Protein backbone atom coordinates (compact mmCIF):
# COMPACT_ATOMS: atom_id res chain seq x y z
CA MET A 1 30.19 -14.81 -6.94
CA ASP A 2 31.60 -11.33 -7.62
CA ILE A 3 28.65 -9.33 -6.27
CA GLU A 4 30.09 -5.94 -7.31
CA LYS A 5 30.62 -7.05 -10.88
CA LEU A 6 27.13 -8.54 -11.05
CA ALA A 7 25.63 -5.26 -9.75
CA VAL A 8 27.36 -3.22 -12.46
CA GLU A 9 26.13 -5.65 -15.11
CA CYS A 10 22.55 -5.49 -13.82
CA GLU A 11 22.46 -1.69 -13.65
CA LYS A 12 23.71 -1.47 -17.23
CA GLU A 13 20.88 -3.73 -18.40
CA LEU A 14 18.33 -1.70 -16.42
CA GLU A 15 19.22 1.74 -17.78
CA ASP A 16 16.05 2.04 -19.90
CA THR A 17 13.87 0.78 -17.04
CA PHE A 18 15.39 3.30 -14.63
CA ARG A 19 14.80 6.13 -17.11
CA LYS A 20 11.10 5.21 -17.21
CA PHE A 21 10.89 5.43 -13.42
CA ASP A 22 12.58 8.85 -13.46
CA SER A 23 10.14 10.06 -16.11
CA LEU A 24 7.20 8.82 -14.04
CA ALA A 25 8.55 10.62 -10.97
CA TYR A 26 8.81 13.86 -12.96
CA ARG A 27 5.21 13.66 -14.20
CA ASN A 28 3.80 12.83 -10.78
CA THR A 29 5.91 15.53 -9.13
CA LYS A 30 4.53 18.08 -11.59
CA LYS A 31 0.98 16.96 -10.79
CA ILE A 32 1.57 17.32 -7.05
CA LEU A 33 3.37 20.65 -7.39
CA ASP A 34 0.44 22.00 -9.43
CA VAL A 35 -1.96 20.94 -6.66
CA PHE A 36 0.18 22.65 -4.01
CA ILE A 37 0.43 25.88 -6.01
CA LYS A 38 -3.30 25.91 -6.80
CA ASN A 39 -4.16 25.53 -3.10
CA ARG A 40 -1.66 28.18 -1.94
CA VAL A 41 0.05 25.98 0.64
CA SER A 42 1.89 28.14 3.16
CA ALA A 43 3.80 27.82 6.42
CA THR A 44 0.69 28.85 8.35
CA HIS A 45 -0.89 25.52 7.42
CA PHE A 46 1.70 23.69 9.54
CA ALA A 47 0.50 25.21 12.82
CA PRO A 48 -0.61 22.48 15.27
CA SER A 49 -4.02 22.29 16.90
CA ASP A 50 -5.08 20.49 20.05
CA GLY A 51 -8.29 19.50 21.82
CA TYR A 52 -11.18 19.16 19.39
CA GLY A 53 -9.17 20.71 16.58
CA TYR A 54 -12.03 22.94 15.42
CA GLY A 55 -11.03 25.34 12.66
CA ASP A 56 -7.76 23.58 11.86
CA ASN A 57 -7.12 25.00 8.39
CA GLY A 58 -3.93 23.01 7.93
CA ARG A 59 -5.67 19.71 8.64
CA ASP A 60 -8.50 20.60 6.25
CA LEU A 61 -6.06 21.64 3.53
CA CYS A 62 -4.08 18.42 4.04
CA ASP A 63 -7.29 16.44 3.45
CA LYS A 64 -7.91 18.42 0.25
CA LEU A 65 -4.36 17.95 -1.05
CA PHE A 66 -4.49 14.19 -0.68
CA ALA A 67 -7.90 14.03 -2.37
CA GLU A 68 -6.80 16.15 -5.34
CA VAL A 69 -3.48 14.39 -5.82
CA MET A 70 -5.36 11.09 -5.82
CA GLU A 71 -7.86 12.48 -8.36
CA ALA A 72 -10.83 12.07 -6.02
CA GLU A 73 -13.87 14.21 -5.18
CA ALA A 74 -13.13 14.17 -1.47
CA GLY A 75 -10.96 12.52 1.12
CA PHE A 76 -8.97 12.76 4.31
CA ALA A 77 -5.51 11.91 5.58
CA ARG A 78 -5.12 11.68 9.34
CA HIS A 79 -2.27 10.82 11.68
CA SER A 80 -4.83 9.19 14.00
CA ILE A 81 -5.27 6.32 11.54
CA VAL A 82 -2.76 3.82 12.92
CA SER A 83 -2.22 1.66 9.81
CA GLY A 84 -3.52 0.70 6.40
CA THR A 85 -5.53 -2.06 8.07
CA HIS A 86 -7.14 0.51 10.36
CA ALA A 87 -8.04 2.69 7.37
CA LEU A 88 -9.64 -0.28 5.62
CA ASN A 89 -11.55 -1.12 8.79
CA ILE A 90 -12.91 2.44 8.98
CA ALA A 91 -14.12 2.28 5.39
CA LEU A 92 -15.66 -1.19 5.61
CA PHE A 93 -17.62 -0.38 8.75
CA GLY A 94 -18.56 2.99 7.24
CA LEU A 95 -20.11 1.51 4.10
CA LEU A 96 -21.58 -1.83 5.22
CA ARG A 97 -24.76 -2.47 7.19
CA PRO A 98 -26.38 -5.67 8.57
CA ASN A 99 -27.42 -8.08 5.79
CA ASP A 100 -25.16 -6.34 3.25
CA THR A 101 -22.56 -8.48 1.47
CA LEU A 102 -18.87 -7.71 1.06
CA PHE A 103 -17.68 -9.24 -2.23
CA SER A 104 -13.93 -9.70 -2.69
CA VAL A 105 -13.12 -10.04 -6.38
CA THR A 106 -9.34 -10.51 -6.00
CA GLY A 107 -9.28 -13.65 -3.87
CA THR A 108 -8.78 -13.90 -0.13
CA PRO A 109 -7.78 -10.48 1.28
CA TYR A 110 -4.52 -9.78 3.06
CA ASP A 111 -4.00 -11.62 6.35
CA THR A 112 -4.72 -8.68 8.66
CA LEU A 113 -8.23 -8.28 7.23
CA HIS A 114 -9.31 -11.81 8.12
CA SER A 115 -10.32 -10.91 11.68
CA ILE A 116 -12.02 -7.68 10.52
CA ILE A 117 -14.16 -9.51 7.99
CA GLY A 118 -14.73 -12.61 10.11
CA ILE A 119 -12.84 -15.08 7.93
CA THR A 120 -10.95 -15.76 11.13
CA GLU A 121 -13.36 -15.81 14.06
CA CYS A 122 -13.02 -12.60 16.04
CA GLU A 123 -15.46 -10.76 18.26
CA GLY A 124 -16.45 -7.46 16.68
CA SER A 125 -15.90 -8.54 13.07
CA LEU A 126 -18.18 -7.57 10.19
CA VAL A 127 -19.74 -11.03 10.31
CA ASP A 128 -20.45 -10.41 13.99
CA PHE A 129 -22.51 -7.39 12.93
CA GLY A 130 -24.53 -9.33 10.37
CA VAL A 131 -22.48 -8.51 7.27
CA LYS A 132 -22.09 -11.40 4.84
CA TYR A 133 -18.90 -12.21 2.96
CA ARG A 134 -18.22 -13.92 -0.34
CA GLN A 135 -15.31 -14.00 -2.76
CA ALA A 136 -14.99 -14.62 -6.46
CA GLU A 137 -13.80 -18.02 -7.64
CA LYS A 138 -11.77 -16.44 -10.45
CA PHE A 139 -9.35 -13.55 -10.00
CA ALA A 140 -10.83 -10.20 -11.09
CA ASP A 141 -13.01 -11.93 -13.69
CA ILE A 142 -15.39 -9.40 -15.24
CA ASP A 143 -18.01 -11.94 -16.26
CA GLU A 144 -18.12 -13.52 -12.81
CA ILE A 145 -18.35 -10.11 -11.15
CA LYS A 146 -21.24 -9.08 -13.40
CA GLU A 147 -23.13 -12.31 -12.80
CA ALA A 148 -22.69 -12.03 -9.03
CA LEU A 149 -23.99 -8.47 -8.96
CA LEU A 150 -27.01 -9.33 -11.10
CA THR A 151 -28.01 -12.31 -8.96
CA ASP A 152 -27.09 -11.08 -5.48
CA LYS A 153 -28.63 -7.69 -4.71
CA SER A 154 -27.20 -7.74 -1.18
CA ILE A 155 -23.70 -6.96 -2.48
CA LYS A 156 -22.92 -3.50 -1.13
CA VAL A 157 -19.13 -3.35 -1.46
CA VAL A 158 -16.97 -4.81 -4.21
CA TYR A 159 -13.54 -5.15 -2.67
CA ILE A 160 -10.31 -4.97 -4.70
CA GLN A 161 -6.88 -5.63 -3.22
CA ARG A 162 -4.49 -4.06 -5.68
CA SER A 163 -1.22 -5.65 -4.53
CA ARG A 164 -0.40 -9.30 -4.06
CA GLY A 165 -0.14 -9.50 -0.27
CA TYR A 166 1.56 -12.73 0.75
CA ASP A 167 0.71 -14.52 -2.50
CA SER A 168 3.57 -14.60 -4.98
CA ASP A 169 1.38 -16.11 -7.71
CA ARG A 170 -1.14 -13.29 -7.59
CA PRO A 171 -0.68 -10.38 -10.02
CA THR A 172 -0.85 -6.73 -9.01
CA LEU A 173 -3.65 -4.83 -10.71
CA SER A 174 -3.07 -1.80 -12.90
CA VAL A 175 -5.31 1.24 -12.69
CA ALA A 176 -6.73 0.30 -16.10
CA GLN A 177 -7.71 -3.15 -14.83
CA ILE A 178 -9.34 -1.60 -11.78
CA GLY A 179 -11.24 0.72 -14.12
CA LYS A 180 -12.76 -2.22 -15.99
CA ILE A 181 -14.09 -3.62 -12.72
CA CYS A 182 -15.48 -0.20 -11.75
CA ASP A 183 -17.25 0.09 -15.10
CA VAL A 184 -19.09 -3.21 -14.80
CA VAL A 185 -20.00 -2.65 -11.13
CA HIS A 186 -21.46 0.79 -11.76
CA THR A 187 -23.26 -0.36 -14.89
CA VAL A 188 -25.25 -3.15 -13.22
CA SER A 189 -25.48 -2.15 -9.53
CA ASP A 190 -25.35 0.55 -6.86
CA ALA A 191 -22.49 -1.18 -5.01
CA TYR A 192 -19.42 0.73 -3.91
CA VAL A 193 -16.03 -0.21 -5.34
CA MET A 194 -13.40 -0.10 -2.62
CA VAL A 195 -9.68 -0.41 -3.42
CA ASP A 196 -6.92 -1.36 -1.01
CA ASN A 197 -4.24 0.72 -2.74
CA CYS A 198 -1.37 -0.04 -0.36
CA TYR A 199 2.02 -0.13 -2.13
CA GLY A 200 0.47 1.02 -5.45
CA GLU A 201 0.34 4.80 -5.09
CA LEU A 202 2.25 6.84 -7.69
CA CYS A 203 3.45 3.73 -9.55
CA GLU A 204 1.40 5.01 -12.50
CA GLU A 205 0.23 8.44 -13.67
CA HIS A 206 -3.33 7.90 -12.48
CA GLU A 207 -4.95 6.47 -9.36
CA PRO A 208 -8.08 4.31 -8.86
CA PRO A 209 -10.47 7.27 -8.27
CA PHE A 210 -9.65 8.45 -11.80
CA VAL A 211 -11.25 5.28 -13.21
CA GLY A 212 -14.28 5.22 -10.93
CA ALA A 213 -13.28 3.68 -7.59
CA ASP A 214 -15.65 4.92 -4.88
CA LEU A 215 -13.03 4.56 -2.15
CA THR A 216 -9.26 4.24 -2.39
CA ILE A 217 -7.34 3.56 0.80
CA GLY A 218 -3.79 3.28 2.04
CA SER A 219 -1.16 3.92 4.69
CA LEU A 220 1.05 6.98 5.06
CA ILE A 221 4.06 4.95 6.14
CA LYS A 222 3.96 3.44 2.68
CA ASN A 223 4.15 5.25 -0.67
CA LEU A 224 2.15 8.45 -0.13
CA GLY A 225 3.95 9.38 3.08
CA GLY A 226 7.19 9.75 1.13
CA GLY A 227 9.26 8.57 4.10
CA MET A 228 8.32 11.77 5.97
CA ALA A 229 4.97 10.96 7.58
CA GLU A 230 5.56 9.23 10.90
CA THR A 231 2.14 7.58 11.05
CA GLY A 232 -1.29 7.82 9.45
CA GLY A 233 -3.53 6.69 6.64
CA TYR A 234 -5.76 8.13 3.94
CA ILE A 235 -9.21 7.50 2.49
CA VAL A 236 -10.27 9.24 -0.74
CA GLY A 237 -13.13 8.80 -3.18
CA THR A 238 -16.65 10.03 -3.86
CA LYS A 239 -18.18 12.58 -1.51
CA LYS A 240 -20.82 10.15 -0.22
CA ALA A 241 -18.45 7.25 0.42
CA VAL A 242 -15.91 9.53 2.10
CA GLU A 243 -18.62 11.08 4.29
CA LEU A 244 -19.74 7.63 5.49
CA SER A 245 -16.14 6.73 6.24
CA ALA A 246 -15.60 10.01 8.07
CA TYR A 247 -18.58 9.21 10.32
CA ARG A 248 -16.81 6.01 11.26
CA LEU A 249 -13.49 7.81 11.76
CA THR A 250 -15.05 10.01 14.45
CA ALA A 251 -18.83 9.87 14.92
CA PRO A 252 -22.01 10.34 12.86
CA GLY A 253 -22.74 14.03 12.51
CA ILE A 254 -19.16 15.03 13.35
CA GLY A 255 -17.11 13.44 10.58
CA LEU A 256 -14.14 15.58 9.55
CA GLU A 257 -15.11 18.66 11.53
CA CYS A 258 -12.77 17.85 14.39
CA GLY A 259 -9.54 16.03 15.15
CA ALA A 260 -6.47 17.79 16.46
CA SER A 261 -3.44 17.74 14.16
CA LEU A 262 -0.94 17.84 17.06
CA GLY A 263 1.85 19.10 14.78
CA GLN A 264 1.71 16.19 12.33
CA THR A 265 0.37 18.14 9.33
CA LYS A 266 3.76 19.39 8.11
CA ASN A 267 5.30 15.92 7.84
CA MET A 268 2.21 14.57 6.05
CA ILE A 269 2.17 17.39 3.49
CA LYS A 270 5.95 17.28 3.08
CA GLY A 271 5.81 13.52 2.64
CA LEU A 272 3.18 13.86 -0.08
CA PHE A 273 5.51 16.24 -1.93
CA PHE A 274 8.47 13.84 -1.64
CA ALA A 275 6.42 10.76 -2.53
CA PRO A 276 6.93 10.58 -6.34
CA HIS A 277 10.71 10.69 -5.96
CA VAL A 278 10.80 8.19 -3.11
CA VAL A 279 8.46 5.80 -4.95
CA ALA A 280 10.78 5.96 -7.97
CA GLN A 281 13.70 5.04 -5.71
CA ALA A 282 11.72 2.06 -4.43
CA LEU A 283 10.81 0.98 -7.97
CA LYS A 284 14.47 1.10 -8.98
CA ALA A 285 15.42 -0.96 -5.93
CA ALA A 286 12.78 -3.57 -6.76
CA ALA A 287 13.91 -3.86 -10.38
CA PHE A 288 17.57 -4.09 -9.31
CA ALA A 289 16.78 -6.83 -6.79
CA ALA A 290 14.80 -8.73 -9.42
CA LYS A 291 17.63 -8.55 -11.95
CA MET A 292 20.27 -9.60 -9.44
CA LEU A 293 18.17 -12.51 -8.19
CA GLU A 294 17.24 -13.63 -11.72
CA LYS A 295 20.91 -13.85 -12.58
CA SER A 296 21.50 -15.76 -9.35
CA GLY A 297 19.01 -18.42 -10.42
CA PHE A 298 15.92 -17.52 -8.37
CA ASP A 299 12.27 -17.23 -9.40
CA VAL A 300 11.13 -13.63 -8.99
CA SER A 301 7.87 -11.76 -9.51
CA PRO A 302 7.62 -9.36 -11.19
CA LYS A 303 10.52 -9.95 -13.57
CA SER A 304 13.15 -7.23 -13.69
CA THR A 305 11.80 -5.58 -16.85
CA ASP A 306 8.09 -6.19 -16.27
CA GLU A 307 5.75 -3.23 -15.99
CA ARG A 308 5.25 -2.49 -12.29
CA PHE A 309 2.04 -1.40 -10.59
CA ASP A 310 3.35 -1.48 -7.01
CA ILE A 311 6.69 -1.39 -5.17
CA ILE A 312 6.69 -5.02 -4.00
CA GLN A 313 9.27 -7.53 -5.22
CA SER A 314 8.84 -11.19 -4.34
CA VAL A 315 11.38 -14.00 -4.65
CA ARG A 316 10.99 -17.68 -3.93
CA LEU A 317 13.95 -18.73 -1.86
CA GLY A 318 12.76 -22.26 -1.17
CA SER A 319 13.67 -22.63 2.49
CA ALA A 320 13.19 -20.99 5.86
CA GLU A 321 16.97 -20.77 6.25
CA ARG A 322 17.35 -18.73 3.06
CA ILE A 323 14.50 -16.41 4.05
CA CYS A 324 16.15 -15.70 7.39
CA SER A 325 19.52 -15.18 5.70
CA PHE A 326 18.05 -12.73 3.16
CA CYS A 327 16.29 -10.72 5.86
CA GLU A 328 19.45 -10.68 7.98
CA GLY A 329 21.33 -9.15 5.04
CA ILE A 330 18.75 -6.38 4.61
CA GLN A 331 18.80 -5.63 8.34
CA ALA A 332 22.60 -5.61 8.54
CA LYS A 333 22.83 -2.84 5.94
CA SER A 334 20.01 -0.71 7.32
CA PRO A 335 20.60 2.72 8.85
CA ILE A 336 18.69 1.87 12.04
CA ASP A 337 19.16 -1.26 14.20
CA SER A 338 21.74 -2.75 11.85
CA HIS A 339 23.08 -4.72 14.82
CA ALA A 340 19.76 -6.54 15.33
CA THR A 341 19.00 -10.01 13.95
CA PRO A 342 15.43 -10.43 12.67
CA GLU A 343 13.63 -13.59 13.80
CA PRO A 344 10.20 -15.04 12.98
CA TRP A 345 7.48 -14.17 15.50
CA ASP A 346 3.70 -14.30 15.91
CA MET A 347 2.71 -10.85 14.64
CA PRO A 348 -0.84 -9.70 15.47
CA GLY A 349 -3.23 -10.35 12.60
CA TYR A 350 -1.16 -13.01 10.82
CA ASP A 351 -1.87 -16.74 10.61
CA ASP A 352 1.81 -17.81 10.46
CA PRO A 353 4.99 -16.59 12.15
CA VAL A 354 6.42 -13.69 10.17
CA ILE A 355 10.03 -12.54 9.86
CA MET A 356 10.60 -8.89 9.10
CA ALA A 357 13.76 -6.94 8.38
CA ALA A 358 12.99 -3.28 8.92
CA GLY A 359 15.85 -1.06 9.96
CA THR A 360 13.67 1.98 9.48
CA PHE A 361 13.53 5.49 10.92
CA THR A 362 9.77 5.04 11.39
CA GLN A 363 8.65 1.75 12.90
CA GLY A 364 7.06 -0.48 10.27
CA ALA A 365 7.51 2.02 7.43
CA SER A 366 7.61 -0.17 4.35
CA ILE A 367 8.37 2.73 2.01
CA GLU A 368 11.74 2.54 3.72
CA LEU A 369 13.57 -0.64 2.71
CA SER A 370 12.10 -3.71 4.35
CA ALA A 371 11.80 -7.43 3.68
CA ASP A 372 9.32 -9.79 5.25
CA ALA A 373 7.93 -13.27 4.83
CA PRO A 374 5.43 -15.64 6.37
CA MET A 375 7.25 -18.78 7.44
CA ARG A 376 5.39 -21.19 5.21
CA PRO A 377 6.03 -22.96 1.88
CA PRO A 378 7.00 -22.06 -0.80
CA TYR A 379 9.13 -19.77 1.39
CA THR A 380 8.76 -16.53 -0.52
CA VAL A 381 10.22 -13.27 0.75
CA TYR A 382 8.67 -9.90 -0.09
CA MET A 383 10.89 -6.85 -0.38
CA GLN A 384 9.69 -3.29 -0.76
CA GLY A 385 10.79 0.29 -0.40
CA GLY A 386 14.03 2.22 -0.26
CA LEU A 387 14.27 5.90 0.64
CA THR A 388 17.29 6.10 -1.64
CA TYR A 389 18.23 3.71 -4.40
CA GLU A 390 21.86 3.75 -3.31
CA SER A 391 21.18 2.57 0.24
CA ALA A 392 18.74 -0.05 -1.00
CA LYS A 393 21.31 -1.34 -3.49
CA ILE A 394 23.88 -1.86 -0.73
CA ALA A 395 21.42 -3.84 1.40
CA ILE A 396 20.16 -5.93 -1.52
CA MET A 397 23.71 -6.91 -2.45
CA GLN A 398 24.37 -8.03 1.12
CA ALA A 399 21.11 -10.02 1.26
CA ILE A 400 21.91 -11.85 -1.98
CA GLU A 401 25.47 -12.53 -0.88
CA ASN A 402 24.09 -14.07 2.34
CA VAL A 403 21.71 -16.34 0.44
CA MET A 404 24.37 -17.51 -2.02
CA GLU A 405 26.60 -18.62 0.84
CA ILE A 406 24.02 -21.22 1.99
């Protein structure tokens, strides 16, 4: 296979798709710039605080910027949130009480939530605190959701996972589809709609709060951190839902009033500004990988010209050997730890050994180019990110070349 020739061919066929991503980045950049200008962001907002963090204007402004960019009434973004899973945990324990029911309408949630919910037995889970769990039999089915809400008044949180997780057959939801679920929930019940928005931010012009989501949640080492934030997560939504989450972040009665920024505010705000451009780079990388792999005979999802609602690209490689080879190619052309060889291991929170290629500046930052896979049939690898399209292209070409040699 002439990998260079194939790459040129694929890029030519993707010209219209790439232009759409650039246009999206422009519109989202304008939205964010308008928010920054309106709120008079200045260098003084980057000053660090310590101790309790009382009166930290930069931290408070950062919270406001994330909420407004995400089209929400309120919200917060904090470096003290260690991951997207942690942010989801904060929100779930903030909203749910004993005898309430958590209702997942998009199938079984992502692996790392199993121990939080109690799907996997774990001391301290929601089930341990008397919260019940159920999930819809059909994926995001409006009629089933409506019927469940009408017959089960204990449902307090309707949970939506926007992206596919480790399920290549599962579609990613658009903001419009999320809006339809929000409409039916709020029409027939008082339940909160909570969206795990990881990997989906800025892939469209609007975000879930715009269509009625009560809480929208994600990680800052994914899309919204723009490759600049070194850690953190965000929670945005309605004032009431955010307040309840804030009481779980710190303590009831304290909420967002304290929390030292420790010099992290600048990178979080800067990352938010960079995010539309970086997300566009990641979308281009995903489409390029899909096109290259399609032409190499592999089953990919989404297809190279499909509309995209997140940055994840999955490909069925069919064997553990090919998965390892693909991940080795990504790692070998990464800027950090290119000399390392990724191997499957028992990652905390996962039911199967997971292999992960992540030669990233920030550990685990999947807005930077990474590829990972649970070592189980049908042996599907999930690729996401790319701070620059050019660097992602180089790594993708190496990964495909590796696989084709097997």
